């Protein structure tokens, strides 16, 4: 298994338009998340990264929605996504859309999102699925040197392992877009028929994964010790038997 830490600075896209079929990906993610937004409640929703900031969440019941992006993008907060300027346990929902594959330390990005989430808060993560048709782009010589195919893609199983170690409960693991996402996708009848077939029978091969997880924090209940303090030792006075003189 390759280490999650990147050895070079990833090229983070400033917008979905910087990715092949980026608008199609953003639309598909928004469609998959549409049934979930009304289930989230609270006071604050943060979208981490420029791509997350462009995901439509109008149907979410949380009124205060803001984004955190780097200095090169337009966001409500300008900061590094792995060093959020927020208090611990201060937001109710975090959205990390395609942020892990463009991060130097993706595991730390999740830990930072975990830090700012309240107990029972929700974390939404999306990304490219390497075990899908989009992963085939890494095998083609003239594509694997280009962004985003030259970045490190993480399997949904690995991401869920990270979440489980941090105490999250994975509520959903969904897939969408059954294509290599190179060139014009879904422009003919054959592509659309293949997409419908794969969606029904090859669900795990979706090019985009969407993971929804809930932060679980077990309360610390003090347990009374069953042992008892030993009573103070008191020597027993025995009667001395002496033989009297005759």
Protein backbone atom coordinates (compact mmCIF):
# COMPACT_ATOMS: atom_id res chain seq x y z
CA UNK A 1 0.00 0.00 0.00
CA UNK A 2 1.40 3.39 -0.98
CA UNK A 3 1.81 5.98 1.78
CA UNK A 4 -0.86 8.67 1.90
CA UNK A 5 1.71 11.46 2.26
CA UNK A 6 2.54 13.07 -1.09
CA UNK A 7 6.19 13.67 -2.01
CA UNK A 8 5.47 16.64 -4.26
CA UNK A 9 3.13 19.59 -4.18
CA UNK A 10 -0.19 18.51 -5.77
CA UNK A 11 -1.82 20.81 -8.28
CA UNK A 12 -5.10 21.78 -6.65
CA UNK A 13 -7.70 22.96 -9.21
CA UNK A 14 -9.21 26.38 -8.65
CA UNK A 15 -12.58 25.37 -10.09
CA UNK A 16 -14.44 22.37 -11.50
CA UNK A 17 -13.75 23.80 -14.95
CA UNK A 18 -10.07 22.94 -14.43
CA UNK A 19 -10.91 19.21 -14.40
CA UNK A 20 -11.96 17.08 -17.40
CA UNK A 21 -15.77 17.00 -17.37
CA UNK A 22 -15.64 18.97 -14.12
CA UNK A 23 -19.10 20.46 -14.56
CA UNK A 24 -20.50 16.97 -15.12
CA UNK A 25 -18.80 15.70 -11.94
CA UNK A 26 -20.07 18.60 -9.83
CA UNK A 27 -23.60 18.11 -11.12
CA UNK A 28 -23.52 14.36 -10.40
CA UNK A 29 -22.23 14.94 -6.85
CA UNK A 30 -24.91 17.53 -6.18
CA UNK A 31 -27.54 15.09 -7.43
CA UNK A 32 -26.27 12.31 -5.14
CA UNK A 33 -26.21 14.64 -2.12
CA UNK A 34 -29.64 16.15 -2.77
CA UNK A 35 -31.52 13.58 -0.60
CA UNK A 36 -28.98 14.01 2.22
CA UNK A 37 -29.00 17.79 2.69
CA UNK A 38 -32.44 17.90 4.40
CA UNK A 39 -31.20 15.25 6.88
CA UNK A 40 -28.40 17.47 8.16
CA UNK A 41 -29.24 19.94 10.89
CA UNK A 42 -27.37 22.41 13.05
CA UNK A 43 -26.02 25.93 12.84
CA UNK A 44 -22.85 25.87 10.70
CA UNK A 45 -21.82 24.09 7.48
CA UNK A 46 -18.29 24.47 6.14
CA UNK A 47 -17.19 23.63 2.60
CA UNK A 48 -13.46 22.91 2.64
CA UNK A 49 -11.63 23.67 -0.60
CA UNK A 50 -12.51 25.52 -3.79
CA UNK A 51 -14.26 22.52 -5.33
CA UNK A 52 -16.40 22.00 -2.23
CA UNK A 53 -17.39 25.66 -2.31
CA UNK A 54 -19.02 25.19 -5.74
CA UNK A 55 -21.20 22.22 -4.73
CA UNK A 56 -24.86 23.21 -4.59
CA UNK A 57 -26.37 22.79 -1.11
CA UNK A 58 -29.42 25.06 -1.33
CA UNK A 59 -31.72 22.33 0.01
CA UNK A 60 -29.73 22.05 3.24
CA UNK A 61 -31.61 23.30 6.32
CA UNK A 62 -28.46 24.82 7.83
CA UNK A 63 -28.60 28.56 7.23
CA UNK A 64 -25.00 29.53 7.92
CA UNK A 65 -22.93 27.99 5.11
CA UNK A 66 -19.41 29.18 4.41
CA UNK A 67 -16.28 28.01 2.59
CA UNK A 68 -12.59 27.81 3.42
CA UNK A 69 -10.18 28.05 0.48
CA UNK A 70 -6.58 28.96 -0.21
CA UNK A 71 -5.43 32.44 -1.17
CA UNK A 72 -5.81 31.74 -4.90
CA UNK A 73 -9.56 31.07 -4.71
CA UNK A 74 -12.51 33.13 -3.60
CA UNK A 75 -13.78 31.90 -0.27
CA UNK A 76 -15.34 33.21 2.91
CA UNK A 77 -12.22 32.17 4.87
CA UNK A 78 -8.71 32.17 3.39
CA UNK A 79 -6.59 29.48 5.06
CA UNK A 80 -4.93 26.12 4.54
CA UNK A 81 -7.46 23.29 4.54
CA UNK A 82 -5.21 21.25 6.84
CA UNK A 83 -5.00 24.08 9.39
CA UNK A 84 -8.50 25.49 9.78
CA UNK A 85 -8.78 28.71 11.83
CA UNK A 86 -11.82 27.36 13.69
CA UNK A 87 -12.43 26.33 17.27
CA UNK A 88 -12.70 22.70 18.24
CA UNK A 89 -16.26 21.31 18.00
CA UNK A 90 -17.58 24.43 16.27
CA UNK A 91 -19.31 23.22 13.05
CA UNK A 92 -22.09 20.73 12.37
CA UNK A 93 -21.29 19.56 8.81
CA UNK A 94 -18.03 19.43 6.84
CA UNK A 95 -17.89 18.92 3.07
CA UNK A 96 -14.60 17.66 1.59
CA UNK A 97 -15.21 17.36 -2.13
CA UNK A 98 -12.16 16.02 -4.04
CA UNK A 99 -9.77 17.49 -1.49
CA UNK A 100 -7.85 14.37 -0.43
CA UNK A 101 -6.24 13.57 -3.79
CA UNK A 102 -4.92 17.14 -4.06
CA UNK A 103 -3.46 17.35 -0.53
CA UNK A 104 0.07 16.81 0.75
CA UNK A 105 -1.24 14.95 3.81
CA UNK A 106 -4.84 13.80 3.21
CA UNK A 107 -5.01 11.96 6.52
CA UNK A 108 -4.25 15.19 8.35
CA UNK A 109 -6.99 16.98 6.37
CA UNK A 110 -9.54 14.48 7.70
CA UNK A 111 -8.17 14.84 11.23
CA UNK A 112 -8.56 18.61 10.99
CA UNK A 113 -12.16 18.23 9.82
CA UNK A 114 -12.72 15.83 12.70
CA UNK A 115 -11.33 18.42 15.14
CA UNK A 116 -13.76 21.17 14.17
CA UNK A 117 -16.81 18.87 13.96
CA UNK A 118 -19.15 18.68 16.92
CA UNK A 119 -20.02 15.25 18.37
CA UNK A 120 -22.63 13.62 16.11
CA UNK A 121 -21.66 16.02 13.32
CA UNK A 122 -21.54 14.91 9.67
CA UNK A 123 -18.57 14.59 7.31
CA UNK A 124 -19.12 14.30 3.55
CA UNK A 125 -16.19 13.18 1.38
CA UNK A 126 -16.08 12.77 -2.41
CA UNK A 127 -13.22 11.68 -4.65
CA UNK A 128 -12.03 9.69 -7.65
CA UNK A 129 -12.33 5.92 -7.31
CA UNK A 130 -9.07 4.31 -8.50
CA UNK A 131 -10.79 0.92 -8.90
CA UNK A 132 -13.03 2.18 -11.67
CA UNK A 133 -12.88 3.30 -15.29
CA UNK A 134 -11.37 6.61 -14.23
CA UNK A 135 -8.43 4.70 -12.76
CA UNK A 136 -7.57 3.40 -16.23
CA UNK A 137 -6.31 6.88 -17.13
CA UNK A 138 -3.29 6.21 -14.91
CA UNK A 139 -2.31 3.30 -17.17
CA UNK A 140 -2.25 5.34 -20.38
CA UNK A 141 1.19 6.98 -20.84
CA UNK A 142 0.07 10.29 -22.36
CA UNK A 143 -2.64 10.77 -19.70
CA UNK A 144 -1.02 9.70 -16.45
CA UNK A 145 1.34 12.69 -16.55
CA UNK A 146 -1.53 15.16 -16.63
CA UNK A 147 -3.74 16.50 -13.86
CA UNK A 148 -5.77 15.04 -12.24
CA UNK A 149 -4.69 11.56 -13.34
CA UNK A 150 -1.15 12.12 -12.01
CA UNK A 151 -2.42 12.66 -8.45
CA UNK A 152 -2.80 10.03 -5.74
CA UNK A 153 -6.30 8.51 -5.73
CA UNK A 154 -7.48 6.76 -2.56
CA UNK A 155 -9.89 3.84 -2.54
CA UNK A 156 -13.19 4.29 -0.69
CA UNK A 157 -12.22 1.35 1.54
CA UNK A 158 -9.05 3.13 2.66
CA UNK A 159 -10.91 6.36 3.39
CA UNK A 160 -13.48 4.44 5.43
CA UNK A 161 -10.67 2.79 7.39
CA UNK A 162 -9.38 6.25 8.32
CA UNK A 163 -12.85 7.30 9.40
CA UNK A 164 -13.37 4.17 11.49
CA UNK A 165 -10.09 4.78 13.31
CA UNK A 166 -11.28 8.27 14.21
CA UNK A 167 -14.59 7.00 15.56
CA UNK A 168 -16.86 7.84 12.64
CA UNK A 169 -19.87 5.78 11.67
CA UNK A 170 -20.12 5.42 7.88
CA UNK A 171 -23.75 6.01 6.90
CA UNK A 172 -23.42 5.70 3.13
CA UNK A 173 -20.90 4.80 0.42
CA UNK A 174 -22.32 5.72 -2.98
CA UNK A 175 -20.98 5.73 -6.56
CA UNK A 176 -21.80 7.71 -9.68
CA UNK A 177 -20.53 8.38 -13.24
CA UNK A 178 -19.51 5.11 -14.89
CA UNK A 179 -16.99 6.53 -17.34
CA UNK A 180 -13.28 7.30 -17.64
CA UNK A 181 -14.27 11.00 -17.63
CA UNK A 182 -11.84 11.80 -20.41
CA UNK A 183 -13.14 13.62 -23.43
CA UNK A 184 -16.84 14.02 -24.04
CA UNK A 185 -18.65 11.64 -21.70
CA UNK A 186 -22.21 10.39 -22.30
CA UNK A 187 -22.47 12.00 -25.74
CA UNK A 188 -23.89 8.97 -27.54
CA UNK A 189 -26.45 6.24 -26.98
CA UNK A 190 -23.82 3.53 -26.40
CA UNK A 191 -22.29 5.49 -23.50
CA UNK A 192 -25.67 6.14 -21.93
CA UNK A 193 -26.70 2.49 -22.22
CA UNK A 194 -23.41 1.36 -20.73
CA UNK A 195 -23.83 3.82 -17.87
CA UNK A 196 -27.29 2.46 -17.10
CA UNK A 197 -26.04 -1.15 -17.21
CA UNK A 198 -23.04 -0.42 -14.94
CA UNK A 199 -25.20 1.50 -12.48
CA UNK A 200 -27.49 -1.52 -12.07
CA UNK A 201 -24.98 -4.40 -12.16
CA UNK A 202 -21.49 -2.93 -11.59
CA UNK A 203 -22.20 -0.53 -8.77
CA UNK A 204 -18.73 -0.60 -7.21
CA UNK A 205 -17.09 0.55 -10.47
CA UNK A 206 -18.45 4.09 -10.25
CA UNK A 207 -15.78 6.67 -11.06
CA UNK A 208 -16.81 9.00 -8.21
CA UNK A 209 -17.43 7.92 -4.62
CA UNK A 210 -19.50 9.79 -2.05
CA UNK A 211 -19.04 8.86 1.62
CA UNK A 212 -21.28 10.23 4.36
CA UNK A 213 -20.09 9.62 7.93
CA UNK A 214 -21.26 10.67 11.39
CA UNK A 215 -18.89 11.53 14.20
CA UNK A 216 -19.52 9.35 17.22
CA UNK A 217 -18.17 10.29 20.65
CA UNK A 218 -18.75 7.85 23.48
CA UNK A 219 -19.43 9.49 26.84
CA UNK A 220 -16.95 8.80 29.59
CA UNK A 221 -18.83 7.25 32.52
CA UNK A 222 -16.79 6.86 35.68
CA UNK A 223 -16.74 3.30 36.98
CA UNK A 224 -16.60 2.80 40.71
CA UNK A 225 -13.86 0.41 41.79
CA UNK A 226 -15.02 -2.91 43.16
CA UNK A 227 -12.06 -3.32 45.47
CA UNK A 228 -12.20 -2.07 49.04
CA UNK A 229 -9.49 -0.64 51.19
CA UNK A 230 -8.17 -3.21 53.59
CA UNK A 231 -8.84 -2.44 57.24
CA UNK A 232 -5.92 -1.34 59.33
CA UNK A 233 -3.97 -4.30 60.67
CA UNK A 234 -4.59 -4.91 64.37
CA UNK A 235 -2.46 -7.55 66.07
CA UNK A 236 -4.32 -10.16 68.05
CA UNK A 237 -3.36 -10.38 71.71
CA UNK A 238 -2.91 -14.01 72.73
CA UNK A 239 -2.98 -15.12 76.35
CA UNK A 240 0.44 -16.18 77.54
CA UNK A 241 0.45 -19.55 79.18
CA UNK A 242 2.95 -19.60 82.03
CA UNK A 243 3.68 -22.52 84.30
CA UNK A 244 3.57 -21.43 87.94
CA UNK A 245 6.29 -22.37 90.44
CA UNK A 246 5.52 -24.95 93.11
